[in-house]
């Protein structure tokens, strides 16, 4: 009787044809968005936002495949499913499908290095794969979009050992994990649509601010980072501020959002800490207008000085080439106003 081949039990490095490699629709990087897509659809998606696989094409054409960064794959019968490296695989497939466009391509794309795990890895191998992916992606060695990191953490925290296990395996701190898990779990809990791409990170950054957390009355279990309680009404208003109000058809009216840059989140948080300033914001005032009601008297004086100076610069620019009676009168009125402001400030205690 012939001997049967022993099943693979160890991960090993091989060189295989890209034609034998398949995308992994359930890859954490995709955040569950490509599960029902066929290979051609996935290829197209990977060349779009936020994956931009096309950015890898020129490097692969010029330099070939870097041997010390193999794709990580699982065996699936006679083929392989890519666990890590789907973007690179998409770029390679693009080059190989269009050889006439890339005459200088490197021949080493005919067979590329892959680290092969068995199709049914044991517990130790599964842990090795989690650590490999977690350390490289969660801690930034190979960047994932924030949403993908959040989904990866959420999925892994539901497995045996929970959050503590995945934090230990990846050497990630609980505070680092909180920035991804809390906004993800909050949106899931509230049944709100998950923002795609970098937009997800806007909420993550906002929830680092004390004023924002207080406004939505957010309580989080410090042990497992599960959501304990929050105000659904105030969360809805917060999402309107960050992403724009919901439109009747679909999506959000981004032109009507309050915060346009994450650098404004500290100011936004200050506004939410003040009932008066928040009321002004809800009445339709801009962030800058609402912020006036948060300022101390000293800050208001500084703001008045700045606005007065900016007004002077603007008027002198506009009136530089025109000295008619009306314009001269306008400039004199500004000078009188400037003098009055300086007099008022000089008398401040």
C-alpha atoms as a PDB file:
ATOM      1  CA  UNK A   1       0.000   0.000   0.000  1.00  0.00           C
ATOM      2  CA  UNK A   2       1.266   3.478  -0.845  1.00  0.00           C
ATOM      3  CA  UNK A   3       2.052   5.954   1.877  1.00  0.00           C
ATOM      4  CA  UNK A   4      -0.335   8.855   2.306  1.00  0.00           C
ATOM      5  CA  UNK A   5       1.147  12.319   2.427  1.00  0.00           C
ATOM      6  CA  UNK A   6       1.103  13.717   5.989  1.00  0.00           C
ATOM      7  CA  UNK A   7      -1.033  16.779   6.499  1.00  0.00           C
ATOM      8  CA  UNK A   8       0.847  20.038   6.793  1.00  0.00           C
ATOM      9  CA  UNK A   9       1.192  21.066  10.413  1.00  0.00           C
ATOM     10  CA  UNK A  10       3.770  23.842  10.181  1.00  0.00           C
ATOM     11  CA  UNK A  11       3.753  27.199   8.448  1.00  0.00           C
ATOM     12  CA  UNK A  12       6.398  27.232   5.730  1.00  0.00           C
ATOM     13  CA  UNK A  13       7.790  29.563   3.099  1.00  0.00           C
ATOM     14  CA  UNK A  14       7.099  28.706  -0.546  1.00  0.00           C
ATOM     15  CA  UNK A  15       7.192  30.360  -3.964  1.00  0.00           C
ATOM     16  CA  UNK A  16       3.909  30.063  -5.850  1.00  0.00           C
ATOM     17  CA  UNK A  17       2.259  31.537  -8.911  1.00  0.00           C
ATOM     18  CA  UNK A  18      -0.068  34.508  -8.197  1.00  0.00           C
ATOM     19  CA  UNK A  19      -2.600  32.629 -10.338  1.00  0.00           C
ATOM     20  CA  UNK A  20      -3.040  30.219  -7.410  1.00  0.00           C
ATOM     21  CA  UNK A  21      -3.769  33.000  -4.906  1.00  0.00           C
ATOM     22  CA  UNK A  22      -7.272  34.122  -3.981  1.00  0.00           C
ATOM     23  CA  UNK A  23      -8.435  37.239  -2.178  1.00  0.00           C
ATOM     24  CA  UNK A  24      -9.871  36.829   1.313  1.00  0.00           C
ATOM     25  CA  UNK A  25     -13.283  38.626   1.322  1.00  0.00           C
ATOM     26  CA  UNK A  26     -13.524  38.237   5.115  1.00  0.00           C
ATOM     27  CA  UNK A  27     -10.141  39.874   5.729  1.00  0.00           C
ATOM     28  CA  UNK A  28     -10.344  42.252   8.744  1.00  0.00           C
ATOM     29  CA  UNK A  29      -8.864  45.059   6.658  1.00  0.00           C
ATOM     30  CA  UNK A  30     -12.076  45.186   4.633  1.00  0.00           C
ATOM     31  CA  UNK A  31     -14.277  45.508   7.710  1.00  0.00           C
ATOM     32  CA  UNK A  32     -16.753  42.926   6.377  1.00  0.00           C
ATOM     33  CA  UNK A  33     -17.586  45.118   3.381  1.00  0.00           C
ATOM     34  CA  UNK A  34     -16.439  42.701   0.663  1.00  0.00           C
ATOM     35  CA  UNK A  35     -17.835  39.382   1.902  1.00  0.00           C
ATOM     36  CA  UNK A  36     -20.338  38.988  -0.935  1.00  0.00           C
ATOM     37  CA  UNK A  37     -18.049  40.264  -3.719  1.00  0.00           C
ATOM     38  CA  UNK A  38     -16.512  38.125  -6.435  1.00  0.00           C
ATOM     39  CA  UNK A  39     -12.736  38.308  -7.232  1.00  0.00           C
ATOM     40  CA  UNK A  40     -13.171  40.882 -10.011  1.00  0.00           C
ATOM     41  CA  UNK A  41     -15.249  43.136  -7.770  1.00  0.00           C
ATOM     42  CA  UNK A  42     -12.696  42.837  -4.967  1.00  0.00           C
ATOM     43  CA  UNK A  43      -9.897  43.677  -7.398  1.00  0.00           C
ATOM     44  CA  UNK A  44     -11.770  46.841  -8.415  1.00  0.00           C
ATOM     45  CA  UNK A  45     -12.533  47.801  -4.807  1.00  0.00           C
ATOM     46  CA  UNK A  46      -8.891  47.423  -3.788  1.00  0.00           C
ATOM     47  CA  UNK A  47      -7.875  49.972  -6.396  1.00  0.00           C
ATOM     48  CA  UNK A  48     -10.316  52.500  -4.932  1.00  0.00           C
ATOM     49  CA  UNK A  49     -10.663  54.329  -1.621  1.00  0.00           C
ATOM     50  CA  UNK A  50      -9.437  53.580   1.049  1.00  0.00           C
ATOM     51  CA  UNK A  51      -7.150  50.764  -0.167  1.00  0.00           C
ATOM     52  CA  UNK A  52      -5.413  52.387  -3.163  1.00  0.00           C
ATOM     53  CA  UNK A  53      -3.673  49.225  -4.365  1.00  0.00           C
ATOM     54  CA  UNK A  54      -2.750  51.099  -7.530  1.00  0.00           C
ATOM     55  CA  UNK A  55      -0.156  53.014  -5.526  1.00  0.00           C
ATOM     56  CA  UNK A  56       1.829  49.759  -5.262  1.00  0.00           C
ATOM     57  CA  UNK A  57       1.979  49.058  -8.997  1.00  0.00           C
ATOM     58  CA  UNK A  58       4.873  51.381  -9.923  1.00  0.00           C
ATOM     59  CA  UNK A  59       7.037  50.061  -7.091  1.00  0.00           C
ATOM     60  CA  UNK A  60       6.394  46.442  -8.066  1.00  0.00           C
ATOM     61  CA  UNK A  61       7.142  47.181 -11.722  1.00  0.00           C
ATOM     62  CA  UNK A  62      10.391  48.938 -10.869  1.00  0.00           C
ATOM     63  CA  UNK A  63      11.654  46.873  -7.948  1.00  0.00           C
ATOM     64  CA  UNK A  64       9.877  43.559  -8.221  1.00  0.00           C
ATOM     65  CA  UNK A  65       8.558  41.725  -5.174  1.00  0.00           C
ATOM     66  CA  UNK A  66      10.450  42.175  -1.898  1.00  0.00           C
ATOM     67  CA  UNK A  67      11.365  38.665  -0.804  1.00  0.00           C
ATOM     68  CA  UNK A  68      11.565  39.371   2.905  1.00  0.00           C
ATOM     69  CA  UNK A  69       7.907  40.492   2.974  1.00  0.00           C
ATOM     70  CA  UNK A  70       6.018  37.368   1.847  1.00  0.00           C
ATOM     71  CA  UNK A  71       2.260  37.255   1.583  1.00  0.00           C
ATOM     72  CA  UNK A  72       0.668  35.275   4.400  1.00  0.00           C
ATOM     73  CA  UNK A  73      -1.707  32.620   3.080  1.00  0.00           C
ATOM     74  CA  UNK A  74      -3.790  29.636   4.158  1.00  0.00           C
ATOM     75  CA  UNK A  75      -3.907  26.541   2.004  1.00  0.00           C
ATOM     76  CA  UNK A  76      -7.318  25.834   0.485  1.00  0.00           C
ATOM     77  CA  UNK A  77      -7.129  22.583  -1.459  1.00  0.00           C
ATOM     78  CA  UNK A  78      -4.773  23.199  -4.377  1.00  0.00           C
ATOM     79  CA  UNK A  79      -5.052  26.975  -3.978  1.00  0.00           C
ATOM     80  CA  UNK A  80      -4.234  29.565  -1.326  1.00  0.00           C
ATOM     81  CA  UNK A  81      -6.290  32.293   0.395  1.00  0.00           C
ATOM     82  CA  UNK A  82      -4.348  35.479   1.169  1.00  0.00           C
ATOM     83  CA  UNK A  83      -4.603  36.370   4.854  1.00  0.00           C
ATOM     84  CA  UNK A  84      -2.139  39.263   4.652  1.00  0.00           C
ATOM     85  CA  UNK A  85      -1.231  41.076   1.448  1.00  0.00           C
ATOM     86  CA  UNK A  86      -4.486  41.423  -0.516  1.00  0.00           C
ATOM     87  CA  UNK A  87      -3.490  44.899  -1.764  1.00  0.00           C
ATOM     88  CA  UNK A  88      -0.171  43.619  -3.060  1.00  0.00           C
ATOM     89  CA  UNK A  89      -1.928  40.694  -4.716  1.00  0.00           C
ATOM     90  CA  UNK A  90      -4.317  43.122  -6.457  1.00  0.00           C
ATOM     91  CA  UNK A  91      -1.352  45.160  -7.745  1.00  0.00           C
ATOM     92  CA  UNK A  92       0.399  42.001  -8.981  1.00  0.00           C
ATOM     93  CA  UNK A  93      -2.733  40.791 -10.762  1.00  0.00           C
ATOM     94  CA  UNK A  94      -3.064  44.206 -12.425  1.00  0.00           C
ATOM     95  CA  UNK A  95       0.507  44.033 -13.750  1.00  0.00           C
ATOM     96  CA  UNK A  96       0.244  40.442 -14.959  1.00  0.00           C
ATOM     97  CA  UNK A  97      -3.070  41.176 -16.715  1.00  0.00           C
ATOM     98  CA  UNK A  98      -1.580  44.159 -18.564  1.00  0.00           C
ATOM     99  CA  UNK A  99       1.952  43.161 -19.555  1.00  0.00           C
ATOM    100  CA  UNK A 100       1.780  45.401 -22.632  1.00  0.00           C
ATOM    101  CA  UNK A 101       1.420  48.425 -20.331  1.00  0.00           C
ATOM    102  CA  UNK A 102       4.312  47.344 -18.107  1.00  0.00           C
ATOM    103  CA  UNK A 103       7.154  46.266 -20.408  1.00  0.00           C
ATOM    104  CA  UNK A 104       9.745  46.773 -17.679  1.00  0.00           C
ATOM    105  CA  UNK A 105       8.092  44.546 -15.118  1.00  0.00           C
ATOM    106  CA  UNK A 106      10.298  42.205 -13.103  1.00  0.00           C
ATOM    107  CA  UNK A 107      10.124  38.505 -13.939  1.00  0.00           C
ATOM    108  CA  UNK A 108       9.993  37.617 -10.232  1.00  0.00           C
ATOM    109  CA  UNK A 109       6.253  38.291 -10.263  1.00  0.00           C
ATOM    110  CA  UNK A 110       5.779  34.922 -11.965  1.00  0.00           C
ATOM    111  CA  UNK A 111       6.347  33.236  -8.616  1.00  0.00           C
ATOM    112  CA  UNK A 112       6.274  35.133  -5.342  1.00  0.00           C
ATOM    113  CA  UNK A 113       7.156  34.152  -1.762  1.00  0.00           C
ATOM    114  CA  UNK A 114       4.272  33.225   0.531  1.00  0.00           C
ATOM    115  CA  UNK A 115       4.187  32.035   4.125  1.00  0.00           C
ATOM    116  CA  UNK A 116       1.773  29.108   4.029  1.00  0.00           C
ATOM    117  CA  UNK A 117      -0.342  28.083   6.998  1.00  0.00           C
ATOM    118  CA  UNK A 118      -2.332  24.832   6.810  1.00  0.00           C
ATOM    119  CA  UNK A 119      -6.000  25.102   5.861  1.00  0.00           C
ATOM    120  CA  UNK A 120      -6.988  24.082   9.398  1.00  0.00           C
ATOM    121  CA  UNK A 121      -4.347  25.583  11.655  1.00  0.00           C
ATOM    122  CA  UNK A 122      -4.216  24.323  15.230  1.00  0.00           C
ATOM    123  CA  UNK A 123      -4.669  26.569  18.244  1.00  0.00           C
ATOM    124  CA  UNK A 124      -1.018  27.541  18.424  1.00  0.00           C
ATOM    125  CA  UNK A 125      -0.880  28.407  14.723  1.00  0.00           C
ATOM    126  CA  UNK A 126      -4.075  30.463  14.972  1.00  0.00           C
ATOM    127  CA  UNK A 127      -2.471  32.398  17.798  1.00  0.00           C
ATOM    128  CA  UNK A 128       0.670  32.927  15.703  1.00  0.00           C
ATOM    129  CA  UNK A 129      -1.455  34.296  12.862  1.00  0.00           C
ATOM    130  CA  UNK A 130      -3.333  36.643  15.204  1.00  0.00           C
ATOM    131  CA  UNK A 131      -0.088  37.937  16.678  1.00  0.00           C
ATOM    132  CA  UNK A 132       1.440  38.376  13.229  1.00  0.00           C
ATOM    133  CA  UNK A 133      -1.533  40.352  11.973  1.00  0.00           C
ATOM    134  CA  UNK A 134      -2.135  42.208  15.217  1.00  0.00           C
ATOM    135  CA  UNK A 135       1.385  43.452  15.813  1.00  0.00           C
ATOM    136  CA  UNK A 136       1.965  44.428  12.180  1.00  0.00           C
ATOM    137  CA  UNK A 137      -1.369  46.138  11.645  1.00  0.00           C
ATOM    138  CA  UNK A 138      -2.759  47.301  14.966  1.00  0.00           C
ATOM    139  CA  UNK A 139       0.523  48.869  16.020  1.00  0.00           C
ATOM    140  CA  UNK A 140       1.264  50.336  12.626  1.00  0.00           C
ATOM    141  CA  UNK A 141       3.997  48.230  11.015  1.00  0.00           C
ATOM    142  CA  UNK A 142       1.639  47.804   8.078  1.00  0.00           C
ATOM    143  CA  UNK A 143      -1.203  50.244   8.231  1.00  0.00           C
ATOM    144  CA  UNK A 144      -4.882  49.306   8.258  1.00  0.00           C
ATOM    145  CA  UNK A 145      -7.740  51.822   8.140  1.00  0.00           C
ATOM    146  CA  UNK A 146      -9.027  52.592  11.669  1.00  0.00           C
ATOM    147  CA  UNK A 147     -12.375  50.935  10.911  1.00  0.00           C
ATOM    148  CA  UNK A 148     -10.606  47.689   9.980  1.00  0.00           C
ATOM    149  CA  UNK A 149      -8.563  47.792  13.178  1.00  0.00           C
ATOM    150  CA  UNK A 150     -11.754  48.286  15.189  1.00  0.00           C
ATOM    151  CA  UNK A 151     -13.506  45.369  13.529  1.00  0.00           C
ATOM    152  CA  UNK A 152     -10.454  43.132  13.983  1.00  0.00           C
ATOM    153  CA  UNK A 153     -10.314  43.953  17.700  1.00  0.00           C
ATOM    154  CA  UNK A 154     -14.052  43.439  18.103  1.00  0.00           C
ATOM    155  CA  UNK A 155     -13.999  40.035  16.404  1.00  0.00           C
ATOM    156  CA  UNK A 156     -10.947  38.825  18.298  1.00  0.00           C
ATOM    157  CA  UNK A 157     -12.257  40.066  21.655  1.00  0.00           C
ATOM    158  CA  UNK A 158     -15.278  37.782  21.231  1.00  0.00           C
ATOM    159  CA  UNK A 159     -13.063  34.676  20.989  1.00  0.00           C
ATOM    160  CA  UNK A 160     -11.723  32.662  23.921  1.00  0.00           C
ATOM    161  CA  UNK A 161      -9.683  34.796  26.290  1.00  0.00           C
ATOM    162  CA  UNK A 162     -11.557  37.942  25.303  1.00  0.00           C
ATOM    163  CA  UNK A 163     -10.020  41.384  25.159  1.00  0.00           C
ATOM    164  CA  UNK A 164      -7.239  40.593  27.603  1.00  0.00           C
ATOM    165  CA  UNK A 165      -5.924  37.848  25.326  1.00  0.00           C
ATOM    166  CA  UNK A 166      -5.746  39.974  22.197  1.00  0.00           C
ATOM    167  CA  UNK A 167      -4.137  42.842  24.119  1.00  0.00           C
ATOM    168  CA  UNK A 168      -1.528  40.476  25.527  1.00  0.00           C
ATOM    169  CA  UNK A 169      -0.825  38.873  22.155  1.00  0.00           C
ATOM    170  CA  UNK A 170      -0.391  42.175  20.326  1.00  0.00           C
ATOM    171  CA  UNK A 171       1.183  44.100  23.237  1.00  0.00           C
ATOM    172  CA  UNK A 172      -1.462  46.742  22.694  1.00  0.00           C
ATOM    173  CA  UNK A 173      -2.508  48.892  25.661  1.00  0.00           C
ATOM    174  CA  UNK A 174      -6.122  49.090  26.722  1.00  0.00           C
ATOM    175  CA  UNK A 175      -6.090  52.825  26.035  1.00  0.00           C
ATOM    176  CA  UNK A 176      -4.957  52.175  22.458  1.00  0.00           C
ATOM    177  CA  UNK A 177      -7.708  49.583  22.009  1.00  0.00           C
ATOM    178  CA  UNK A 178     -10.274  51.958  23.506  1.00  0.00           C
ATOM    179  CA  UNK A 179      -9.764  54.461  20.682  1.00  0.00           C
ATOM    180  CA  UNK A 180     -10.986  51.841  18.190  1.00  0.00           C
ATOM    181  CA  UNK A 181     -13.422  49.682  20.144  1.00  0.00           C
ATOM    182  CA  UNK A 182     -15.495  52.308  21.943  1.00  0.00           C
ATOM    183  CA  UNK A 183     -16.638  54.256  18.833  1.00  0.00           C
ATOM    184  CA  UNK A 184     -17.209  50.976  16.961  1.00  0.00           C
ATOM    185  CA  UNK A 185     -19.293  49.458  19.761  1.00  0.00           C
ATOM    186  CA  UNK A 186     -21.164  52.705  20.349  1.00  0.00           C
ATOM    187  CA  UNK A 187     -22.281  52.890  16.722  1.00  0.00           C
ATOM    188  CA  UNK A 188     -23.280  49.217  16.694  1.00  0.00           C
ATOM    189  CA  UNK A 189     -25.196  49.624  19.965  1.00  0.00           C
ATOM    190  CA  UNK A 190     -27.059  52.663  18.607  1.00  0.00           C
ATOM    191  CA  UNK A 191     -27.806  51.021  15.256  1.00  0.00           C
ATOM    192  CA  UNK A 192     -26.081  53.864  13.447  1.00  0.00           C
ATOM    193  CA  UNK A 193     -24.412  53.437  10.076  1.00  0.00           C
ATOM    194  CA  UNK A 194     -20.679  52.963  10.393  1.00  0.00           C
ATOM    195  CA  UNK A 195     -18.710  55.752   8.673  1.00  0.00           C
ATOM    196  CA  UNK A 196     -16.316  54.388   6.057  1.00  0.00           C
ATOM    197  CA  UNK A 197     -12.623  55.057   5.656  1.00  0.00           C
ATOM    198  CA  UNK A 198     -10.964  57.740   7.719  1.00  0.00           C
ATOM    199  CA  UNK A 199     -14.333  59.245   8.713  1.00  0.00           C
ATOM    200  CA  UNK A 200     -14.600  56.550  11.366  1.00  0.00           C
ATOM    201  CA  UNK A 201     -11.554  58.017  13.078  1.00  0.00           C
ATOM    202  CA  UNK A 202     -13.254  61.405  13.500  1.00  0.00           C
ATOM    203  CA  UNK A 203     -15.635  59.861  16.037  1.00  0.00           C
ATOM    204  CA  UNK A 204     -12.758  57.982  17.669  1.00  0.00           C
ATOM    205  CA  UNK A 205     -10.847  61.219  18.114  1.00  0.00           C
ATOM    206  CA  UNK A 206     -13.937  63.092  19.340  1.00  0.00           C
ATOM    207  CA  UNK A 207     -14.546  60.506  22.055  1.00  0.00           C
ATOM    208  CA  UNK A 208     -11.114  61.247  23.507  1.00  0.00           C
ATOM    209  CA  UNK A 209     -12.437  64.673  24.608  1.00  0.00           C
ATOM    210  CA  UNK A 210     -14.005  64.990  28.040  1.00  0.00           C
ATOM    211  CA  UNK A 211     -16.651  67.454  26.862  1.00  0.00           C
ATOM    212  CA  UNK A 212     -17.838  65.105  24.119  1.00  0.00           C
ATOM    213  CA  UNK A 213     -18.029  62.077  26.420  1.00  0.00           C
ATOM    214  CA  UNK A 214     -19.919  64.110  29.018  1.00  0.00           C
ATOM    215  CA  UNK A 215     -22.334  65.463  26.405  1.00  0.00           C
ATOM    216  CA  UNK A 216     -23.419  62.016  25.219  1.00  0.00           C
ATOM    217  CA  UNK A 217     -23.331  60.730  28.843  1.00  0.00           C
ATOM    218  CA  UNK A 218     -20.997  57.920  27.842  1.00  0.00           C
ATOM    219  CA  UNK A 219     -20.112  55.242  30.388  1.00  0.00           C
ATOM    220  CA  UNK A 220     -17.747  52.427  29.457  1.00  0.00           C
ATOM    221  CA  UNK A 221     -16.824  49.326  31.444  1.00  0.00           C
ATOM    222  CA  UNK A 222     -13.138  49.871  32.187  1.00  0.00           C
ATOM    223  CA  UNK A 223     -12.468  46.133  32.282  1.00  0.00           C
ATOM    224  CA  UNK A 224     -13.778  44.966  28.910  1.00  0.00           C
ATOM    225  CA  UNK A 225     -14.528  48.329  27.195  1.00  0.00           C
ATOM    226  CA  UNK A 226     -18.179  47.406  26.652  1.00  0.00           C
ATOM    227  CA  UNK A 227     -20.685  50.278  26.428  1.00  0.00           C
ATOM    228  CA  UNK A 228     -22.600  50.624  29.719  1.00  0.00           C
ATOM    229  CA  UNK A 229     -24.831  53.597  28.904  1.00  0.00           C
ATOM    230  CA  UNK A 230     -25.139  56.696  26.713  1.00  0.00           C
ATOM    231  CA  UNK A 231     -27.706  59.218  25.472  1.00  0.00           C
ATOM    232  CA  UNK A 232     -28.947  58.072  22.081  1.00  0.00           C
ATOM    233  CA  UNK A 233     -30.454  61.506  21.395  1.00  0.00           C
ATOM    234  CA  UNK A 234     -27.196  63.320  22.099  1.00  0.00           C
ATOM    235  CA  UNK A 235     -25.206  60.738  20.150  1.00  0.00           C
ATOM    236  CA  UNK A 236     -27.421  61.451  17.137  1.00  0.00           C
ATOM    237  CA  UNK A 237     -26.773  65.192  17.498  1.00  0.00           C
ATOM    238  CA  UNK A 238     -23.048  64.534  17.873  1.00  0.00           C
ATOM    239  CA  UNK A 239     -22.994  62.504  14.648  1.00  0.00           C
ATOM    240  CA  UNK A 240     -24.794  65.367  12.902  1.00  0.00           C
ATOM    241  CA  UNK A 241     -22.067  67.732  14.120  1.00  0.00           C
ATOM    242  CA  UNK A 242     -19.260  65.445  12.951  1.00  0.00           C
ATOM    243  CA  UNK A 243     -20.703  64.092   9.694  1.00  0.00           C
ATOM    244  CA  UNK A 244     -23.691  66.283   8.839  1.00  0.00           C
ATOM    245  CA  UNK A 245     -27.455  65.640   9.298  1.00  0.00           C
ATOM    246  CA  UNK A 246     -28.962  62.552   7.699  1.00  0.00           C
ATOM    247  CA  UNK A 247     -30.518  63.088   4.290  1.00  0.00           C
ATOM    248  CA  UNK A 248     -33.894  61.620   3.411  1.00  0.00           C
ATOM    249  CA  UNK A 249     -32.585  59.476   0.575  1.00  0.00           C
ATOM    250  CA  UNK A 250     -29.265  58.236   1.954  1.00  0.00           C
ATOM    251  CA  UNK A 251     -26.011  59.432   3.413  1.00  0.00           C
ATOM    252  CA  UNK A 252     -25.424  62.719   5.209  1.00  0.00           C
ATOM    253  CA  UNK A 253     -25.368  66.393   4.290  1.00  0.00           C
ATOM    254  CA  UNK A 254     -21.653  66.986   4.812  1.00  0.00           C
ATOM    255  CA  UNK A 255     -21.994  70.670   3.913  1.00  0.00           C
ATOM    256  CA  UNK A 256     -23.991  71.188   7.108  1.00  0.00           C
ATOM    257  CA  UNK A 257     -21.648  69.560   9.595  1.00  0.00           C
ATOM    258  CA  UNK A 258     -20.089  71.628  12.391  1.00  0.00           C
ATOM    259  CA  UNK A 259     -16.611  70.096  12.650  1.00  0.00           C
ATOM    260  CA  UNK A 260     -14.603  70.083   9.421  1.00  0.00           C
ATOM    261  CA  UNK A 261     -11.180  69.248  10.824  1.00  0.00           C
ATOM    262  CA  UNK A 262     -10.071  67.046  13.725  1.00  0.00           C
ATOM    263  CA  UNK A 263      -7.936  69.973  14.870  1.00  0.00           C
ATOM    264  CA  UNK A 264     -11.208  71.705  15.808  1.00  0.00           C
ATOM    265  CA  UNK A 265     -12.302  68.927  18.164  1.00  0.00           C
ATOM    266  CA  UNK A 266     -10.756  70.533  21.248  1.00  0.00           C
ATOM    267  CA  UNK A 267     -12.739  73.734  20.604  1.00  0.00           C
ATOM    268  CA  UNK A 268     -15.855  71.710  19.839  1.00  0.00           C
ATOM    269  CA  UNK A 269     -15.491  69.846  23.143  1.00  0.00           C
ATOM    270  CA  UNK A 270     -15.273  73.155  25.027  1.00  0.00           C
ATOM    271  CA  UNK A 271     -18.522  74.297  23.418  1.00  0.00           C
ATOM    272  CA  UNK A 272     -20.307  71.095  24.482  1.00  0.00           C
ATOM    273  CA  UNK A 273     -19.160  71.641  28.071  1.00  0.00           C
ATOM    274  CA  UNK A 274     -21.143  74.911  28.168  1.00  0.00           C
ATOM    275  CA  UNK A 275     -24.974  74.698  28.131  1.00  0.00           C
ATOM    276  CA  UNK A 276     -25.192  78.262  26.765  1.00  0.00           C
ATOM    277  CA  UNK A 277     -22.654  77.654  23.994  1.00  0.00           C
ATOM    278  CA  UNK A 278     -24.284  74.326  23.133  1.00  0.00           C
ATOM    279  CA  UNK A 279     -27.666  76.031  22.928  1.00  0.00           C
ATOM    280  CA  UNK A 280     -26.236  78.597  20.497  1.00  0.00           C
ATOM    281  CA  UNK A 281     -24.740  75.779  18.414  1.00  0.00           C
ATOM    282  CA  UNK A 282     -28.075  73.975  18.291  1.00  0.00           C
ATOM    283  CA  UNK A 283     -29.802  77.206  17.220  1.00  0.00           C
ATOM    284  CA  UNK A 284     -27.743  77.180  14.023  1.00  0.00           C
ATOM    285  CA  UNK A 285     -24.676  79.153  15.027  1.00  0.00           C
ATOM    286  CA  UNK A 286     -21.296  78.095  13.658  1.00  0.00           C
ATOM    287  CA  UNK A 287     -18.633  76.600  15.906  1.00  0.00           C
ATOM    288  CA  UNK A 288     -16.793  79.929  15.923  1.00  0.00           C
ATOM    289  CA  UNK A 289     -19.950  81.828  16.901  1.00  0.00           C
ATOM    290  CA  UNK A 290     -20.875  79.338  19.627  1.00  0.00           C
ATOM    291  CA  UNK A 291     -17.336  79.375  20.994  1.00  0.00           C
ATOM    292  CA  UNK A 292     -17.694  83.047  21.923  1.00  0.00           C
ATOM    293  CA  UNK A 293     -20.053  81.996  24.718  1.00  0.00           C
ATOM    294  CA  UNK A 294     -17.347  79.777  26.218  1.00  0.00           C
ATOM    295  CA  UNK A 295     -14.618  82.418  26.303  1.00  0.00           C
ATOM    296  CA  UNK A 296     -13.504  83.947  29.554  1.00  0.00           C
ATOM    297  CA  UNK A 297     -13.483  87.756  29.603  1.00  0.00           C
ATOM    298  CA  UNK A 298      -9.751  87.709  28.913  1.00  0.00           C
ATOM    299  CA  UNK A 299     -10.232  85.373  25.938  1.00  0.00           C
ATOM    300  CA  UNK A 300     -13.040  87.576  24.604  1.00  0.00           C
ATOM    301  CA  UNK A 301     -10.761  90.621  24.765  1.00  0.00           C
ATOM    302  CA  UNK A 302      -8.073  88.736  22.841  1.00  0.00           C
ATOM    303  CA  UNK A 303     -10.665  87.703  20.288  1.00  0.00           C
ATOM    304  CA  UNK A 304     -11.894  91.318  19.967  1.00  0.00           C
ATOM    305  CA  UNK A 305      -8.325  92.535  19.415  1.00  0.00           C
ATOM    306  CA  UNK A 306      -7.706  89.899  16.758  1.00  0.00           C
ATOM    307  CA  UNK A 307     -10.961  90.586  14.919  1.00  0.00           C
ATOM    308  CA  UNK A 308     -10.349  94.351  14.994  1.00  0.00           C
ATOM    309  CA  UNK A 309      -6.865  93.956  13.540  1.00  0.00           C
ATOM    310  CA  UNK A 310      -8.084  91.555  10.849  1.00  0.00           C
ATOM    311  CA  UNK A 311     -10.872  93.981   9.927  1.00  0.00           C
ATOM    312  CA  UNK A 312      -8.307  96.759   9.470  1.00  0.00           C
ATOM    313  CA  UNK A 313      -6.137  94.632   7.199  1.00  0.00           C
ATOM    314  CA  UNK A 314      -9.156  93.661   5.110  1.00  0.00           C
ATOM    315  CA  UNK A 315     -10.429  97.236   4.711  1.00  0.00           C
ATOM    316  CA  UNK A 316      -7.011  98.635   3.763  1.00  0.00           C
ATOM    317  CA  UNK A 317      -6.627  95.917   1.159  1.00  0.00           C
ATOM    318  CA  UNK A 318     -10.043  96.604  -0.386  1.00  0.00           C
ATOM    319  CA  UNK A 319      -9.685 100.402  -0.303  1.00  0.00           C
ATOM    320  CA  UNK A 320      -6.056 100.536  -1.410  1.00  0.00           C
ATOM    321  CA  UNK A 321      -6.801 101.595  -4.992  1.00  0.00           C
ATOM    322  CA  UNK A 322      -9.922 103.629  -4.352  1.00  0.00           C
ATOM    323  CA  UNK A 323     -10.008 106.870  -2.354  1.00  0.00           C
ATOM    324  CA  UNK A 324     -13.532 108.190  -3.041  1.00  0.00           C
ATOM    325  CA  UNK A 325     -15.486 110.140  -0.424  1.00  0.00           C
ATOM    326  CA  UNK A 326     -17.465 107.097   0.731  1.00  0.00           C
ATOM    327  CA  UNK A 327     -14.377 104.934   1.006  1.00  0.00           C
ATOM    328  CA  UNK A 328     -12.455 107.609   2.893  1.00  0.00           C
ATOM    329  CA  UNK A 329     -15.385 107.931   5.274  1.00  0.00           C
ATOM    330  CA  UNK A 330     -15.469 104.140   5.767  1.00  0.00           C
ATOM    331  CA  UNK A 331     -11.761 104.014   6.557  1.00  0.00           C
ATOM    332  CA  UNK A 332     -12.102 106.885   9.044  1.00  0.00           C
ATOM    333  CA  UNK A 333     -15.038 105.124  10.713  1.00  0.00           C
ATOM    334  CA  UNK A 334     -12.843 102.054  11.138  1.00  0.00           C
ATOM    335  CA  UNK A 335     -10.045 104.152  12.666  1.00  0.00           C
ATOM    336  CA  UNK A 336     -12.536 105.649  15.131  1.00  0.00           C
ATOM    337  CA  UNK A 337     -13.763 102.160  15.967  1.00  0.00           C
ATOM    338  CA  UNK A 338     -10.184 100.896  16.397  1.00  0.00           C
ATOM    339  CA  UNK A 339      -9.395 103.773  18.747  1.00  0.00           C
ATOM    340  CA  UNK A 340     -12.534 103.094  20.786  1.00  0.00           C
ATOM    341  CA  UNK A 341     -11.630  99.393  21.082  1.00  0.00           C
ATOM    342  CA  UNK A 342      -8.083 100.189  22.225  1.00  0.00           C
ATOM    343  CA  UNK A 343      -9.425 102.688  24.768  1.00  0.00           C
ATOM    344  CA  UNK A 344     -11.892 100.103  26.081  1.00  0.00           C
ATOM    345  CA  UNK A 345      -9.173  97.439  26.386  1.00  0.00           C
ATOM    346  CA  UNK A 346      -6.726  99.800  28.092  1.00  0.00           C
ATOM    347  CA  UNK A 347      -9.293 100.491  30.820  1.00  0.00           C
ATOM    348  CA  UNK A 348      -9.900  96.791  31.490  1.00  0.00           C
ATOM    349  CA  UNK A 349      -8.711  95.752  34.955  1.00  0.00           C
END
